[in-house]
Amino acid sequence: MKRRILTLFTAAVLGVTALTGCGSDQTEDAATESGTVSNQETDEVTTDSSEPTASSEASETSVSTESTGTSEEAEIPGDTSGTIDGTTYTNEFYSFRVTVPDGWAILDHDDTLNIMYQSMATIYEDAQELQEQLESAGTDYLFYAYSETPDSLGNMANAIAQSLPISQMGTLTLEETVDATLASTVAQYAELGGTTEVTDAAATDVNGHELVCADSVTDITVANEDGSTSELTINQRYAAFLTDTHIVMMVVSYYTDAEAQGAQDTIDSIEFLNE
C-alpha cells in the first residue's frame, strides 16, 4: 500500500481541523494574508514537543510514483478553479456540483490554497517540505467552506475538497483509497494525542457514478488562546469519486449533533454534471 497517498489526503483533514476555534473573521483574514498563522489566530492541537508530530509521517513518504514506473512530477491540469454561487460550488473540469448549508461561506480556489498552506504551518514542523510534496504529486485544493456561526467554543463546521491524479492511487481501488486515508488519519491523530474510530468505506450509486463514503470520530485535546485546554470531538464524513483523470475527495467536519444533518445534506447534495 502506498504511503504517499495516505499523507496527501490526511494533510487536508489536519489542515481543516487546525482552524477549529478561530472564528469566521479570522478565517477570512487568513484567506487573504500571506505567511503563517500565529497560534493566537488558530487553536493548535496539543502535542508534546519531545514527541514526533505529524511531520514525521509526511517526511517519511517518498515522492516517487511507483504505480506509473516514473518519477516525473504530476501536473495540475487546466482551469480547475470552479465557480461559487451563494452556497453552491460547481466545478466544470471535475464535473460535479455541491451545496453547503445556509449560513456557510465558500472560499475560492486561491483563498483555499492560502488558508490550507497557512494551517499546515501550525501543525507540521516541515510544512514547506509537505507543500512541495503536495505540489509534486499534483494535489489541488478545490474549495474550503465553513459555517459563519461558530459553536460555543468557536469551532466552525467546514468542508474541504481536493483532487489527486489517479496515477497516485497505484493499484488501490476507490474504496481501498478511502480506507487507506482513514487509516492514515487514525495514525496521525494518534501522534497528536487523539483517538479515532472509523467506519469502513462503502460505495453508493449516484446517477450512475460511484460515490464512496466513510466516517471518522476523533477525540482530542486542543489548546485555547488563554492557555487552557479543551476536549474536542471532531466528526468527519468523507466522500470520494473518480473522474477520467483524478480522484476527488471531500471531507466535511462538524462538532455538534446539531451540525450532523448539515454535514449529511452536504454529501447528499453532490451531483454529477456528465450524466
C-alpha atoms as a PDB file:
ATOM      1  CA  MET A   1       0.000   0.000   0.000  1.00  0.00           C
ATOM      2  CA  LYS A   2       1.434   3.367  -0.986  1.00  0.00           C
ATOM      3  CA  ARG A   3       2.041   5.666   1.973  1.00  0.00           C
ATOM      4  CA  ARG A   4       2.272   8.564  -0.446  1.00  0.00           C
ATOM      5  CA  ILE A   5      -1.472   8.925  -0.991  1.00  0.00           C
ATOM      6  CA  LEU A   6      -2.199   8.464   2.706  1.00  0.00           C
ATOM      7  CA  THR A   7      -0.280  11.546   3.714  1.00  0.00           C
ATOM      8  CA  LEU A   8      -1.650  13.655   0.880  1.00  0.00           C
ATOM      9  CA  PHE A   9      -5.286  13.188   1.774  1.00  0.00           C
ATOM     10  CA  THR A  10      -4.732  13.276   5.536  1.00  0.00           C
ATOM     11  CA  ALA A  11      -2.983  16.610   5.126  1.00  0.00           C
ATOM     12  CA  ALA A  12      -6.306  18.093   4.070  1.00  0.00           C
ATOM     13  CA  VAL A  13      -8.050  16.697   7.139  1.00  0.00           C
ATOM     14  CA  LEU A  14      -5.487  18.038   9.575  1.00  0.00           C
ATOM     15  CA  GLY A  15      -5.280  21.330   7.725  1.00  0.00           C
ATOM     16  CA  VAL A  16      -9.014  21.838   8.108  1.00  0.00           C
ATOM     17  CA  THR A  17      -9.129  20.874  11.774  1.00  0.00           C
ATOM     18  CA  ALA A  18      -6.285  23.269  12.508  1.00  0.00           C
ATOM     19  CA  LEU A  19      -8.844  26.031  12.068  1.00  0.00           C
ATOM     20  CA  THR A  20     -11.051  24.910  14.962  1.00  0.00           C
ATOM     21  CA  GLY A  21     -11.744  27.754  17.331  1.00  0.00           C
ATOM     22  CA  CYS A  22     -10.571  30.594  15.095  1.00  0.00           C
ATOM     23  CA  GLY A  23     -13.967  32.074  14.197  1.00  0.00           C
ATOM     24  CA  SER A  24     -15.180  33.338  10.818  1.00  0.00           C
ATOM     25  CA  ASP A  25     -13.430  36.719  10.959  1.00  0.00           C
ATOM     26  CA  GLN A  26     -10.030  35.095  11.452  1.00  0.00           C
ATOM     27  CA  THR A  27     -10.753  32.611   8.685  1.00  0.00           C
ATOM     28  CA  GLU A  28     -11.477  35.410   6.242  1.00  0.00           C
ATOM     29  CA  ASP A  29      -8.291  37.185   7.346  1.00  0.00           C
ATOM     30  CA  ALA A  30      -6.229  34.037   6.899  1.00  0.00           C
ATOM     31  CA  ALA A  31      -7.599  33.602   3.409  1.00  0.00           C
ATOM     32  CA  THR A  32      -6.266  36.969   2.319  1.00  0.00           C
ATOM     33  CA  GLU A  33      -2.924  37.152   4.115  1.00  0.00           C
ATOM     34  CA  SER A  34       0.397  35.502   3.268  1.00  0.00           C
ATOM     35  CA  GLY A  35       2.809  33.828   5.650  1.00  0.00           C
ATOM     36  CA  THR A  36       1.966  31.579   8.575  1.00  0.00           C
ATOM     37  CA  VAL A  37      -0.881  31.887  11.039  1.00  0.00           C
ATOM     38  CA  SER A  38       0.055  32.664  14.620  1.00  0.00           C
ATOM     39  CA  ASN A  39      -1.108  30.462  17.463  1.00  0.00           C
ATOM     40  CA  GLN A  40      -3.299  33.349  18.612  1.00  0.00           C
ATOM     41  CA  GLU A  41      -5.277  33.118  15.375  1.00  0.00           C
ATOM     42  CA  THR A  42      -5.762  29.331  15.341  1.00  0.00           C
ATOM     43  CA  ASP A  43      -6.058  26.753  18.087  1.00  0.00           C
ATOM     44  CA  GLU A  44      -3.141  24.334  17.904  1.00  0.00           C
ATOM     45  CA  VAL A  45      -3.722  20.694  18.592  1.00  0.00           C
ATOM     46  CA  THR A  46      -1.931  19.940  21.857  1.00  0.00           C
ATOM     47  CA  THR A  47       1.233  17.885  21.431  1.00  0.00           C
ATOM     48  CA  ASP A  48       4.390  17.322  23.464  1.00  0.00           C
ATOM     49  CA  SER A  49       7.313  18.883  21.615  1.00  0.00           C
ATOM     50  CA  SER A  50       9.514  15.965  22.604  1.00  0.00           C
ATOM     51  CA  GLU A  51       7.235  13.550  20.752  1.00  0.00           C
ATOM     52  CA  PRO A  52       7.054  13.147  16.953  1.00  0.00           C
ATOM     53  CA  THR A  53       4.422  15.299  15.264  1.00  0.00           C
ATOM     54  CA  ALA A  54       2.507  14.645  12.073  1.00  0.00           C
ATOM     55  CA  SER A  55       5.524  15.872  10.115  1.00  0.00           C
ATOM     56  CA  SER A  56       7.209  12.583  10.913  1.00  0.00           C
ATOM     57  CA  GLU A  57       4.707  10.803   8.674  1.00  0.00           C
ATOM     58  CA  ALA A  58       4.974  13.454   5.991  1.00  0.00           C
ATOM     59  CA  SER A  59       8.760  13.489   5.885  1.00  0.00           C
ATOM     60  CA  GLU A  60       8.963   9.699   5.621  1.00  0.00           C
ATOM     61  CA  THR A  61       6.881   9.469   2.470  1.00  0.00           C
ATOM     62  CA  SER A  62       8.616   9.344  -0.866  1.00  0.00           C
ATOM     63  CA  VAL A  63       7.801  11.452  -3.893  1.00  0.00           C
ATOM     64  CA  SER A  64       8.004   8.561  -6.339  1.00  0.00           C
ATOM     65  CA  THR A  65       5.037   7.498  -8.429  1.00  0.00           C
ATOM     66  CA  GLU A  66       5.659   3.770  -8.279  1.00  0.00           C
ATOM     67  CA  SER A  67       2.388   2.867  -9.954  1.00  0.00           C
ATOM     68  CA  THR A  68       3.456   4.512 -13.204  1.00  0.00           C
ATOM     69  CA  GLY A  69       7.096   3.483 -13.065  1.00  0.00           C
ATOM     70  CA  THR A  70       8.257   7.079 -13.379  1.00  0.00           C
ATOM     71  CA  SER A  71       9.498   9.805 -11.060  1.00  0.00           C
ATOM     72  CA  GLU A  72       8.029  12.631 -13.092  1.00  0.00           C
ATOM     73  CA  GLU A  73       6.044  15.224 -11.217  1.00  0.00           C
ATOM     74  CA  ALA A  74       2.300  15.250 -11.685  1.00  0.00           C
ATOM     75  CA  GLU A  75       0.808  18.388 -13.178  1.00  0.00           C
ATOM     76  CA  ILE A  76      -2.427  20.102 -12.154  1.00  0.00           C
ATOM     77  CA  PRO A  77      -4.409  20.393 -15.405  1.00  0.00           C
ATOM     78  CA  GLY A  78      -6.048  23.451 -16.952  1.00  0.00           C
ATOM     79  CA  ASP A  79      -8.552  25.604 -15.123  1.00  0.00           C
ATOM     80  CA  THR A  80      -9.805  23.653 -12.111  1.00  0.00           C
ATOM     81  CA  SER A  81     -10.902  26.674 -10.066  1.00  0.00           C
ATOM     82  CA  GLY A  82     -14.671  26.137 -10.189  1.00  0.00           C
ATOM     83  CA  THR A  83     -17.375  28.742  -9.562  1.00  0.00           C
ATOM     84  CA  ILE A  84     -19.325  29.828  -6.486  1.00  0.00           C
ATOM     85  CA  ASP A  85     -22.971  30.893  -6.485  1.00  0.00           C
ATOM     86  CA  GLY A  86     -24.121  31.562  -2.937  1.00  0.00           C
ATOM     87  CA  THR A  87     -23.816  28.247  -1.114  1.00  0.00           C
ATOM     88  CA  THR A  88     -23.316  26.184  -4.280  1.00  0.00           C
ATOM     89  CA  TYR A  89     -19.924  25.240  -5.712  1.00  0.00           C
ATOM     90  CA  THR A  90     -19.674  23.999  -9.304  1.00  0.00           C
ATOM     91  CA  ASN A  91     -16.582  22.595 -10.991  1.00  0.00           C
ATOM     92  CA  GLU A  92     -16.914  22.033 -14.721  1.00  0.00           C
ATOM     93  CA  PHE A  93     -13.480  20.420 -15.037  1.00  0.00           C
ATOM     94  CA  TYR A  94     -14.253  17.715 -12.472  1.00  0.00           C
ATOM     95  CA  SER A  95     -17.938  17.678 -13.498  1.00  0.00           C
ATOM     96  CA  PHE A  96     -19.613  17.986 -10.111  1.00  0.00           C
ATOM     97  CA  ARG A  97     -21.670  20.377  -8.019  1.00  0.00           C
ATOM     98  CA  VAL A  98     -22.186  20.522  -4.249  1.00  0.00           C
ATOM     99  CA  THR A  99     -24.260  22.747  -1.987  1.00  0.00           C
ATOM    100  CA  VAL A 100     -23.266  23.555   1.600  1.00  0.00           C
ATOM    101  CA  PRO A 101     -25.769  24.542   4.335  1.00  0.00           C
ATOM    102  CA  ASP A 102     -27.274  28.020   4.571  1.00  0.00           C
ATOM    103  CA  GLY A 103     -25.124  30.260   6.717  1.00  0.00           C
ATOM    104  CA  TRP A 104     -21.881  28.843   5.294  1.00  0.00           C
ATOM    105  CA  ALA A 105     -19.306  30.726   3.245  1.00  0.00           C
ATOM    106  CA  ILE A 106     -17.260  29.204   0.425  1.00  0.00           C
ATOM    107  CA  LEU A 107     -13.693  30.280  -0.321  1.00  0.00           C
ATOM    108  CA  ASP A 108     -12.459  30.142  -3.900  1.00  0.00           C
ATOM    109  CA  HIS A 109      -9.502  28.134  -5.158  1.00  0.00           C
ATOM    110  CA  ASP A 110      -6.766  30.684  -4.436  1.00  0.00           C
ATOM    111  CA  ASP A 111      -8.028  31.561  -0.955  1.00  0.00           C
ATOM    112  CA  THR A 112      -8.392  27.870  -0.170  1.00  0.00           C
ATOM    113  CA  LEU A 113      -4.786  27.183  -1.149  1.00  0.00           C
ATOM    114  CA  ASN A 114      -3.637  30.085   1.007  1.00  0.00           C
ATOM    115  CA  ILE A 115      -5.541  29.050   4.100  1.00  0.00           C
ATOM    116  CA  MET A 116      -4.558  25.385   3.749  1.00  0.00           C
ATOM    117  CA  TYR A 117      -0.847  26.101   3.496  1.00  0.00           C
ATOM    118  CA  GLN A 118      -1.026  28.534   6.400  1.00  0.00           C
ATOM    119  CA  SER A 119      -2.873  25.990   8.500  1.00  0.00           C
ATOM    120  CA  MET A 120      -0.341  23.270   7.740  1.00  0.00           C
ATOM    121  CA  ALA A 121       2.343  25.508   9.192  1.00  0.00           C
ATOM    122  CA  THR A 122       0.603  25.346  12.588  1.00  0.00           C
ATOM    123  CA  ILE A 123       0.712  21.528  12.620  1.00  0.00           C
ATOM    124  CA  TYR A 124       3.645  20.275  10.566  1.00  0.00           C
ATOM    125  CA  GLU A 125       7.240  21.011  11.524  1.00  0.00           C
ATOM    126  CA  ASP A 126       8.271  20.629   7.880  1.00  0.00           C
ATOM    127  CA  ALA A 127       5.313  22.438   6.323  1.00  0.00           C
ATOM    128  CA  GLN A 128       7.344  23.721   3.366  1.00  0.00           C
ATOM    129  CA  GLU A 129       8.533  20.221   2.548  1.00  0.00           C
ATOM    130  CA  LEU A 130       4.989  18.910   2.755  1.00  0.00           C
ATOM    131  CA  GLN A 131       3.735  21.696   0.496  1.00  0.00           C
ATOM    132  CA  GLU A 132       6.377  20.793  -2.078  1.00  0.00           C
ATOM    133  CA  GLN A 133       5.372  17.132  -1.887  1.00  0.00           C
ATOM    134  CA  LEU A 134       1.734  18.026  -2.410  1.00  0.00           C
ATOM    135  CA  GLU A 135       2.536  20.164  -5.431  1.00  0.00           C
ATOM    136  CA  SER A 136       4.864  17.491  -6.825  1.00  0.00           C
ATOM    137  CA  ALA A 137       2.112  14.887  -6.662  1.00  0.00           C
ATOM    138  CA  GLY A 138      -0.388  17.176  -8.387  1.00  0.00           C
ATOM    139  CA  THR A 139      -2.614  17.606  -5.329  1.00  0.00           C
ATOM    140  CA  ASP A 140      -5.027  20.513  -5.665  1.00  0.00           C
ATOM    141  CA  TYR A 141      -7.410  22.072  -3.144  1.00  0.00           C
ATOM    142  CA  LEU A 142     -10.658  22.989  -4.874  1.00  0.00           C
ATOM    143  CA  PHE A 143     -12.619  24.844  -2.209  1.00  0.00           C
ATOM    144  CA  TYR A 144     -12.972  25.354   1.522  1.00  0.00           C
ATOM    145  CA  ALA A 145     -16.367  26.126   3.067  1.00  0.00           C
ATOM    146  CA  TYR A 146     -17.177  26.936   6.687  1.00  0.00           C
ATOM    147  CA  SER A 147     -20.060  27.825   8.944  1.00  0.00           C
ATOM    148  CA  GLU A 148     -20.222  31.539   9.719  1.00  0.00           C
ATOM    149  CA  THR A 149     -21.776  30.690  13.097  1.00  0.00           C
ATOM    150  CA  PRO A 150     -19.131  29.052  15.324  1.00  0.00           C
ATOM    151  CA  ASP A 151     -20.225  26.864  18.218  1.00  0.00           C
ATOM    152  CA  SER A 152     -19.797  27.886  21.869  1.00  0.00           C
ATOM    153  CA  LEU A 153     -16.085  27.030  21.723  1.00  0.00           C
ATOM    154  CA  GLY A 154     -15.542  28.910  18.474  1.00  0.00           C
ATOM    155  CA  ASN A 155     -15.313  25.807  16.294  1.00  0.00           C
ATOM    156  CA  MET A 156     -16.678  26.011  12.764  1.00  0.00           C
ATOM    157  CA  ALA A 157     -18.208  23.155  10.836  1.00  0.00           C
ATOM    158  CA  ASN A 158     -16.396  23.051   7.499  1.00  0.00           C
ATOM    159  CA  ALA A 159     -15.795  21.203   4.264  1.00  0.00           C
ATOM    160  CA  ILE A 160     -12.723  20.832   2.081  1.00  0.00           C
ATOM    161  CA  ALA A 161     -12.442  19.285  -1.374  1.00  0.00           C
ATOM    162  CA  GLN A 162      -9.207  18.245  -3.027  1.00  0.00           C
ATOM    163  CA  SER A 163      -8.123  16.312  -6.089  1.00  0.00           C
ATOM    164  CA  LEU A 164      -5.260  13.997  -6.929  1.00  0.00           C
ATOM    165  CA  PRO A 165      -4.254  12.341 -10.210  1.00  0.00           C
ATOM    166  CA  ILE A 166      -5.499   8.768 -10.475  1.00  0.00           C
ATOM    167  CA  SER A 167      -1.916   7.677 -11.128  1.00  0.00           C
ATOM    168  CA  GLN A 168      -1.130   8.433  -7.480  1.00  0.00           C
ATOM    169  CA  MET A 169      -3.597   5.752  -6.344  1.00  0.00           C
ATOM    170  CA  GLY A 170      -1.366   2.978  -7.607  1.00  0.00           C
ATOM    171  CA  THR A 171      -3.262  -0.316  -7.603  1.00  0.00           C
ATOM    172  CA  LEU A 172      -5.774   0.744  -4.937  1.00  0.00           C
ATOM    173  CA  THR A 173      -9.475   0.786  -5.707  1.00  0.00           C
ATOM    174  CA  LEU A 174     -11.539   3.810  -4.724  1.00  0.00           C
ATOM    175  CA  GLU A 175     -12.839   2.084  -1.599  1.00  0.00           C
ATOM    176  CA  GLU A 176      -9.325   0.966  -0.669  1.00  0.00           C
ATOM    177  CA  THR A 177      -8.085   4.516  -1.148  1.00  0.00           C
ATOM    178  CA  VAL A 178     -10.691   5.888   1.247  1.00  0.00           C
ATOM    179  CA  ASP A 179      -9.953   3.118   3.777  1.00  0.00           C
ATOM    180  CA  ALA A 180      -6.239   3.878   3.478  1.00  0.00           C
ATOM    181  CA  THR A 181      -6.916   7.563   4.041  1.00  0.00           C
ATOM    182  CA  LEU A 182      -8.864   6.744   7.192  1.00  0.00           C
ATOM    183  CA  ALA A 183      -6.050   4.509   8.438  1.00  0.00           C
ATOM    184  CA  SER A 184      -3.595   7.344   7.987  1.00  0.00           C
ATOM    185  CA  THR A 185      -5.994   9.720   9.735  1.00  0.00           C
ATOM    186  CA  VAL A 186      -6.071   7.416  12.756  1.00  0.00           C
ATOM    187  CA  ALA A 187      -2.268   7.249  12.864  1.00  0.00           C
ATOM    188  CA  GLN A 188      -1.674  10.962  12.513  1.00  0.00           C
ATOM    189  CA  TYR A 189      -4.314  11.975  15.053  1.00  0.00           C
ATOM    190  CA  ALA A 190      -2.721   9.440  17.410  1.00  0.00           C
ATOM    191  CA  GLU A 191       0.608  11.240  17.023  1.00  0.00           C
ATOM    192  CA  LEU A 192      -1.188  14.424  18.048  1.00  0.00           C
ATOM    193  CA  GLY A 193      -2.695  12.781  21.112  1.00  0.00           C
ATOM    194  CA  GLY A 194      -6.114  11.935  19.674  1.00  0.00           C
ATOM    195  CA  THR A 195      -8.064   8.700  19.427  1.00  0.00           C
ATOM    196  CA  THR A 196     -10.112   7.988  16.314  1.00  0.00           C
ATOM    197  CA  GLU A 197     -12.799   5.491  15.389  1.00  0.00           C
ATOM    198  CA  VAL A 198     -13.675   4.935  11.736  1.00  0.00           C
ATOM    199  CA  THR A 199     -16.232   3.124   9.621  1.00  0.00           C
ATOM    200  CA  ASP A 200     -15.409   1.038   6.571  1.00  0.00           C
ATOM    201  CA  ALA A 201     -15.715   2.791   3.236  1.00  0.00           C
ATOM    202  CA  ALA A 202     -18.922   1.941   1.398  1.00  0.00           C
ATOM    203  CA  ALA A 203     -19.892   2.676  -2.193  1.00  0.00           C
ATOM    204  CA  THR A 204     -23.225   4.044  -3.362  1.00  0.00           C
ATOM    205  CA  ASP A 205     -24.529   4.817  -6.835  1.00  0.00           C
ATOM    206  CA  VAL A 206     -25.367   8.445  -7.607  1.00  0.00           C
ATOM    207  CA  ASN A 207     -26.902   8.680 -11.058  1.00  0.00           C
ATOM    208  CA  GLY A 208     -24.526   6.104 -12.461  1.00  0.00           C
ATOM    209  CA  HIS A 209     -21.453   7.410 -10.613  1.00  0.00           C
ATOM    210  CA  GLU A 210     -19.743   5.602  -7.759  1.00  0.00           C
ATOM    211  CA  LEU A 211     -19.545   7.691  -4.586  1.00  0.00           C
ATOM    212  CA  VAL A 212     -17.581   6.141  -1.718  1.00  0.00           C
ATOM    213  CA  CYS A 213     -18.292   7.420   1.791  1.00  0.00           C
ATOM    214  CA  ALA A 214     -16.925   6.770   5.283  1.00  0.00           C
ATOM    215  CA  ASP A 215     -16.886   8.434   8.692  1.00  0.00           C
ATOM    216  CA  SER A 216     -14.435   9.114  11.496  1.00  0.00           C
ATOM    217  CA  VAL A 217     -14.857  10.411  15.042  1.00  0.00           C
ATOM    218  CA  THR A 218     -11.809  11.813  16.841  1.00  0.00           C
ATOM    219  CA  ASP A 219     -11.489  12.809  20.495  1.00  0.00           C
ATOM    220  CA  ILE A 220      -8.569  15.161  21.016  1.00  0.00           C
ATOM    221  CA  THR A 221      -7.277  17.850  23.368  1.00  0.00           C
ATOM    222  CA  VAL A 222      -6.862  21.328  21.897  1.00  0.00           C
ATOM    223  CA  ALA A 223      -5.141  24.408  23.289  1.00  0.00           C
ATOM    224  CA  ASN A 224      -7.187  27.552  23.879  1.00  0.00           C
ATOM    225  CA  GLU A 225      -5.990  31.133  23.414  1.00  0.00           C
ATOM    226  CA  ASP A 226      -5.861  31.677  27.197  1.00  0.00           C
ATOM    227  CA  GLY A 227      -3.501  28.750  27.672  1.00  0.00           C
ATOM    228  CA  SER A 228      -6.135  26.326  28.917  1.00  0.00           C
ATOM    229  CA  THR A 229      -7.164  23.155  27.086  1.00  0.00           C
ATOM    230  CA  SER A 230     -10.483  21.735  25.944  1.00  0.00           C
ATOM    231  CA  GLU A 231     -11.641  18.288  24.959  1.00  0.00           C
ATOM    232  CA  LEU A 232     -12.881  18.306  21.384  1.00  0.00           C
ATOM    233  CA  THR A 233     -14.771  15.734  19.347  1.00  0.00           C
ATOM    234  CA  ILE A 234     -14.227  16.062  15.602  1.00  0.00           C
ATOM    235  CA  ASN A 235     -16.737  14.249  13.406  1.00  0.00           C
ATOM    236  CA  GLN A 236     -15.683  13.875   9.789  1.00  0.00           C
ATOM    237  CA  ARG A 237     -17.538  12.462   6.802  1.00  0.00           C
ATOM    238  CA  TYR A 238     -15.566  11.530   3.704  1.00  0.00           C
ATOM    239  CA  ALA A 239     -16.896  11.274   0.162  1.00  0.00           C
ATOM    240  CA  ALA A 240     -14.779  10.360  -2.869  1.00  0.00           C
ATOM    241  CA  PHE A 241     -15.356   9.781  -6.551  1.00  0.00           C
ATOM    242  CA  LEU A 242     -13.346   9.291  -9.724  1.00  0.00           C
ATOM    243  CA  THR A 243     -13.199  11.345 -12.888  1.00  0.00           C
ATOM    244  CA  ASP A 244     -11.413  10.176 -16.038  1.00  0.00           C
ATOM    245  CA  THR A 245      -8.117  11.520 -14.710  1.00  0.00           C
ATOM    246  CA  HIS A 246      -8.477  12.293 -10.991  1.00  0.00           C
ATOM    247  CA  ILE A 247      -9.825  11.220  -7.653  1.00  0.00           C
ATOM    248  CA  VAL A 248     -11.785  13.930  -5.866  1.00  0.00           C
ATOM    249  CA  MET A 249     -12.256  13.665  -2.118  1.00  0.00           C
ATOM    250  CA  MET A 250     -14.387  15.855   0.115  1.00  0.00           C
ATOM    251  CA  VAL A 251     -14.169  15.915   3.903  1.00  0.00           C
ATOM    252  CA  VAL A 252     -16.940  17.544   5.936  1.00  0.00           C
ATOM    253  CA  SER A 253     -16.059  18.224   9.582  1.00  0.00           C
ATOM    254  CA  TYR A 254     -18.521  19.079  12.340  1.00  0.00           C
ATOM    255  CA  TYR A 255     -18.505  19.318  16.121  1.00  0.00           C
ATOM    256  CA  THR A 256     -22.083  19.196  17.426  1.00  0.00           C
ATOM    257  CA  ASP A 257     -25.105  16.957  16.933  1.00  0.00           C
ATOM    258  CA  ALA A 258     -26.972  19.938  15.524  1.00  0.00           C
ATOM    259  CA  GLU A 259     -24.443  20.149  12.664  1.00  0.00           C
ATOM    260  CA  ALA A 260     -24.680  16.461  11.750  1.00  0.00           C
ATOM    261  CA  GLN A 261     -27.652  16.863   9.419  1.00  0.00           C
ATOM    262  CA  GLY A 262     -25.979  19.730   7.583  1.00  0.00           C
ATOM    263  CA  ALA A 263     -22.904  17.572   7.041  1.00  0.00           C
ATOM    264  CA  GLN A 264     -25.000  14.742   5.656  1.00  0.00           C
ATOM    265  CA  ASP A 265     -27.011  17.124   3.485  1.00  0.00           C
ATOM    266  CA  THR A 266     -23.757  18.446   2.012  1.00  0.00           C
ATOM    267  CA  ILE A 267     -22.678  14.960   0.983  1.00  0.00           C
ATOM    268  CA  ASP A 268     -26.158  14.138  -0.299  1.00  0.00           C
ATOM    269  CA  SER A 269     -26.145  17.297  -2.440  1.00  0.00           C
ATOM    270  CA  ILE A 270     -23.236  16.110  -4.573  1.00  0.00           C
ATOM    271  CA  GLU A 271     -24.388  15.833  -8.168  1.00  0.00           C
ATOM    272  CA  PHE A 272     -22.504  14.971 -11.327  1.00  0.00           C
ATOM    273  CA  LEU A 273     -22.691  17.124 -14.428  1.00  0.00           C
ATOM    274  CA  ASN A 274     -21.834  14.477 -17.026  1.00  0.00           C
ATOM    275  CA  GLU A 275     -24.770  12.146 -16.511  1.00  0.00           C
END
